[in-house]
């Protein structure tokens, strides 16, 4: 069973920084695209940043220039560095990965989320 576990969430004031991590474990052939998503009570889950296995990254317009996504394929860790945080960044952040667990068998895996609260 593949498992994704997020860590690094917490409370920070406007303008502060946080670093989120996502660790993948379990039986797998390789990890494909990965990404960070967030959800607030008044919105649907939205894409924050995604990255291919080779590190090609894409960002939501609202976080460009402030967030950086990276990955270590050997350690199977996905990272999101967040700076100049705003109250609009508050939400539960989820890690997602497309994982090949067998020949021709790709699954979508989600973590349980980590809370980020940005206070004014």
C-alpha atoms as a PDB file:
ATOM      1  CA  UNK A   1       0.000   0.000   0.000  1.00  0.00           C
ATOM      2  CA  UNK A   2       1.412   3.367  -1.067  1.00  0.00           C
ATOM      3  CA  UNK A   3       1.267   6.106   1.542  1.00  0.00           C
ATOM      4  CA  UNK A   4       1.898   9.859   1.364  1.00  0.00           C
ATOM      5  CA  UNK A   5       2.500  11.771   4.595  1.00  0.00           C
ATOM      6  CA  UNK A   6       2.679  15.568   4.753  1.00  0.00           C
ATOM      7  CA  UNK A   7       4.498  17.538   7.430  1.00  0.00           C
ATOM      8  CA  UNK A   8       5.624  21.080   8.159  1.00  0.00           C
ATOM      9  CA  UNK A   9       2.296  22.849   8.483  1.00  0.00           C
ATOM     10  CA  UNK A  10       1.552  25.292  11.251  1.00  0.00           C
ATOM     11  CA  UNK A  11       0.708  28.880  12.076  1.00  0.00           C
ATOM     12  CA  UNK A  12       2.637  31.849  10.767  1.00  0.00           C
ATOM     13  CA  UNK A  13       2.061  35.583  10.485  1.00  0.00           C
ATOM     14  CA  UNK A  14       1.563  37.425   7.203  1.00  0.00           C
ATOM     15  CA  UNK A  15       4.882  37.758   5.410  1.00  0.00           C
ATOM     16  CA  UNK A  16       6.349  34.675   7.040  1.00  0.00           C
ATOM     17  CA  UNK A  17       7.613  31.441   5.544  1.00  0.00           C
ATOM     18  CA  UNK A  18       6.947  27.721   5.864  1.00  0.00           C
ATOM     19  CA  UNK A  19       8.350  24.573   4.312  1.00  0.00           C
ATOM     20  CA  UNK A  20       6.063  21.607   3.684  1.00  0.00           C
ATOM     21  CA  UNK A  21       7.290  18.084   3.006  1.00  0.00           C
ATOM     22  CA  UNK A  22       5.617  14.980   1.630  1.00  0.00           C
ATOM     23  CA  UNK A  23       7.185  11.555   2.064  1.00  0.00           C
ATOM     24  CA  UNK A  24       6.116   8.613  -0.084  1.00  0.00           C
ATOM     25  CA  UNK A  25       6.472   5.039   1.106  1.00  0.00           C
ATOM     26  CA  UNK A  26       5.334   1.580   0.110  1.00  0.00           C
ATOM     27  CA  UNK A  27       5.807  -0.715  -2.840  1.00  0.00           C
ATOM     28  CA  UNK A  28       6.130   1.193  -6.097  1.00  0.00           C
ATOM     29  CA  UNK A  29       7.970   1.037  -9.389  1.00  0.00           C
ATOM     30  CA  UNK A  30       8.388   4.777  -9.764  1.00  0.00           C
ATOM     31  CA  UNK A  31       6.687   8.081  -8.965  1.00  0.00           C
ATOM     32  CA  UNK A  32       5.436  10.209 -11.815  1.00  0.00           C
ATOM     33  CA  UNK A  33       3.847  13.642 -11.561  1.00  0.00           C
ATOM     34  CA  UNK A  34       3.468  15.044  -8.059  1.00  0.00           C
ATOM     35  CA  UNK A  35       1.815  18.163  -6.727  1.00  0.00           C
ATOM     36  CA  UNK A  36       0.478  20.233  -3.887  1.00  0.00           C
ATOM     37  CA  UNK A  37      -3.192  21.125  -3.596  1.00  0.00           C
ATOM     38  CA  UNK A  38      -5.017  23.168  -0.987  1.00  0.00           C
ATOM     39  CA  UNK A  39      -8.562  23.474   0.246  1.00  0.00           C
ATOM     40  CA  UNK A  40     -10.406  26.078   2.320  1.00  0.00           C
ATOM     41  CA  UNK A  41     -13.955  25.863   3.731  1.00  0.00           C
ATOM     42  CA  UNK A  42     -15.378  28.124   1.020  1.00  0.00           C
ATOM     43  CA  UNK A  43     -13.566  26.676  -1.984  1.00  0.00           C
ATOM     44  CA  UNK A  44     -12.987  23.448  -3.868  1.00  0.00           C
ATOM     45  CA  UNK A  45      -9.583  21.841  -3.727  1.00  0.00           C
ATOM     46  CA  UNK A  46      -7.247  23.770  -6.022  1.00  0.00           C
ATOM     47  CA  UNK A  47      -3.858  23.176  -7.579  1.00  0.00           C
ATOM     48  CA  UNK A  48      -0.994  25.026  -5.926  1.00  0.00           C
ATOM     49  CA  UNK A  49       2.040  23.576  -7.710  1.00  0.00           C
ATOM     50  CA  UNK A  50       2.908  20.475  -9.710  1.00  0.00           C
ATOM     51  CA  UNK A  51       6.146  18.902 -10.843  1.00  0.00           C
ATOM     52  CA  UNK A  52       7.126  16.132 -13.222  1.00  0.00           C
ATOM     53  CA  UNK A  53       9.629  13.437 -12.317  1.00  0.00           C
ATOM     54  CA  UNK A  54      12.321  15.515 -14.045  1.00  0.00           C
ATOM     55  CA  UNK A  55      11.452  18.599 -11.988  1.00  0.00           C
ATOM     56  CA  UNK A  56       9.468  20.603 -14.540  1.00  0.00           C
ATOM     57  CA  UNK A  57       7.256  22.753 -12.309  1.00  0.00           C
ATOM     58  CA  UNK A  58       4.015  24.660 -12.793  1.00  0.00           C
ATOM     59  CA  UNK A  59       2.406  27.048 -10.327  1.00  0.00           C
ATOM     60  CA  UNK A  60      -0.957  28.624  -9.716  1.00  0.00           C
ATOM     61  CA  UNK A  61      -0.892  32.306 -10.632  1.00  0.00           C
ATOM     62  CA  UNK A  62      -1.612  33.276  -7.042  1.00  0.00           C
ATOM     63  CA  UNK A  63       1.620  31.705  -5.746  1.00  0.00           C
ATOM     64  CA  UNK A  64       4.077  32.389  -8.565  1.00  0.00           C
ATOM     65  CA  UNK A  65       7.226  34.051  -7.287  1.00  0.00           C
ATOM     66  CA  UNK A  66       6.445  33.116  -3.687  1.00  0.00           C
ATOM     67  CA  UNK A  67       6.300  29.299  -3.654  1.00  0.00           C
ATOM     68  CA  UNK A  68       8.866  26.805  -4.904  1.00  0.00           C
ATOM     69  CA  UNK A  69       8.162  23.108  -5.420  1.00  0.00           C
ATOM     70  CA  UNK A  70      10.954  20.556  -5.617  1.00  0.00           C
ATOM     71  CA  UNK A  71      11.443  16.815  -5.326  1.00  0.00           C
ATOM     72  CA  UNK A  72      14.075  14.264  -4.412  1.00  0.00           C
ATOM     73  CA  UNK A  73      13.283  11.078  -6.309  1.00  0.00           C
ATOM     74  CA  UNK A  74      15.868   9.007  -4.454  1.00  0.00           C
ATOM     75  CA  UNK A  75      14.467   9.964  -1.052  1.00  0.00           C
ATOM     76  CA  UNK A  76      10.905  10.034  -2.430  1.00  0.00           C
ATOM     77  CA  UNK A  77      10.224  13.429  -0.870  1.00  0.00           C
ATOM     78  CA  UNK A  78       8.258  16.337  -2.304  1.00  0.00           C
ATOM     79  CA  UNK A  79       8.842  19.811  -0.860  1.00  0.00           C
ATOM     80  CA  UNK A  80       6.978  23.106  -1.014  1.00  0.00           C
ATOM     81  CA  UNK A  81       8.822  26.202   0.148  1.00  0.00           C
ATOM     82  CA  UNK A  82       6.432  29.065   0.833  1.00  0.00           C
ATOM     83  CA  UNK A  83       7.484  32.657   1.439  1.00  0.00           C
ATOM     84  CA  UNK A  84       5.771  36.024   1.843  1.00  0.00           C
ATOM     85  CA  UNK A  85       2.668  34.208   3.023  1.00  0.00           C
ATOM     86  CA  UNK A  86      -0.696  35.931   2.953  1.00  0.00           C
ATOM     87  CA  UNK A  87      -3.937  35.152   4.754  1.00  0.00           C
ATOM     88  CA  UNK A  88      -5.318  33.879   1.431  1.00  0.00           C
ATOM     89  CA  UNK A  89      -2.778  31.044   1.627  1.00  0.00           C
ATOM     90  CA  UNK A  90      -4.553  29.602   4.662  1.00  0.00           C
ATOM     91  CA  UNK A  91      -5.906  26.112   4.102  1.00  0.00           C
ATOM     92  CA  UNK A  92      -5.258  22.404   4.267  1.00  0.00           C
ATOM     93  CA  UNK A  93      -2.434  21.434   1.944  1.00  0.00           C
ATOM     94  CA  UNK A  94      -2.527  18.001   0.330  1.00  0.00           C
ATOM     95  CA  UNK A  95       0.219  16.066  -1.392  1.00  0.00           C
ATOM     96  CA  UNK A  96      -0.683  14.144  -4.547  1.00  0.00           C
ATOM     97  CA  UNK A  97       1.282  11.691  -6.641  1.00  0.00           C
ATOM     98  CA  UNK A  98       0.790   9.476  -9.658  1.00  0.00           C
ATOM     99  CA  UNK A  99       2.542   6.248  -8.795  1.00  0.00           C
ATOM    100  CA  UNK A 100       3.366   3.258 -10.949  1.00  0.00           C
ATOM    101  CA  UNK A 101       2.896   0.205  -8.749  1.00  0.00           C
ATOM    102  CA  UNK A 102       3.151  -2.385 -11.515  1.00  0.00           C
ATOM    103  CA  UNK A 103       3.351  -2.911 -15.245  1.00  0.00           C
ATOM    104  CA  UNK A 104       0.703  -0.682 -16.799  1.00  0.00           C
ATOM    105  CA  UNK A 105      -0.765   0.067 -13.385  1.00  0.00           C
ATOM    106  CA  UNK A 106      -0.773   3.740 -12.332  1.00  0.00           C
ATOM    107  CA  UNK A 107      -2.665   4.959  -9.280  1.00  0.00           C
ATOM    108  CA  UNK A 108      -3.474   8.348  -7.795  1.00  0.00           C
ATOM    109  CA  UNK A 109      -2.346   8.714  -4.205  1.00  0.00           C
ATOM    110  CA  UNK A 110      -3.279  11.468  -1.729  1.00  0.00           C
ATOM    111  CA  UNK A 111      -1.952  12.416   1.674  1.00  0.00           C
ATOM    112  CA  UNK A 112      -4.207  13.303   4.591  1.00  0.00           C
ATOM    113  CA  UNK A 113      -3.226  16.972   4.519  1.00  0.00           C
ATOM    114  CA  UNK A 114      -1.449  19.452   6.751  1.00  0.00           C
ATOM    115  CA  UNK A 115      -2.978  22.681   8.046  1.00  0.00           C
ATOM    116  CA  UNK A 116      -1.420  26.034   7.172  1.00  0.00           C
ATOM    117  CA  UNK A 117      -2.776  29.082   8.990  1.00  0.00           C
ATOM    118  CA  UNK A 118      -1.585  32.578   8.117  1.00  0.00           C
ATOM    119  CA  UNK A 119      -2.618  35.258  10.597  1.00  0.00           C
ATOM    120  CA  UNK A 120      -2.664  39.016  10.080  1.00  0.00           C
END
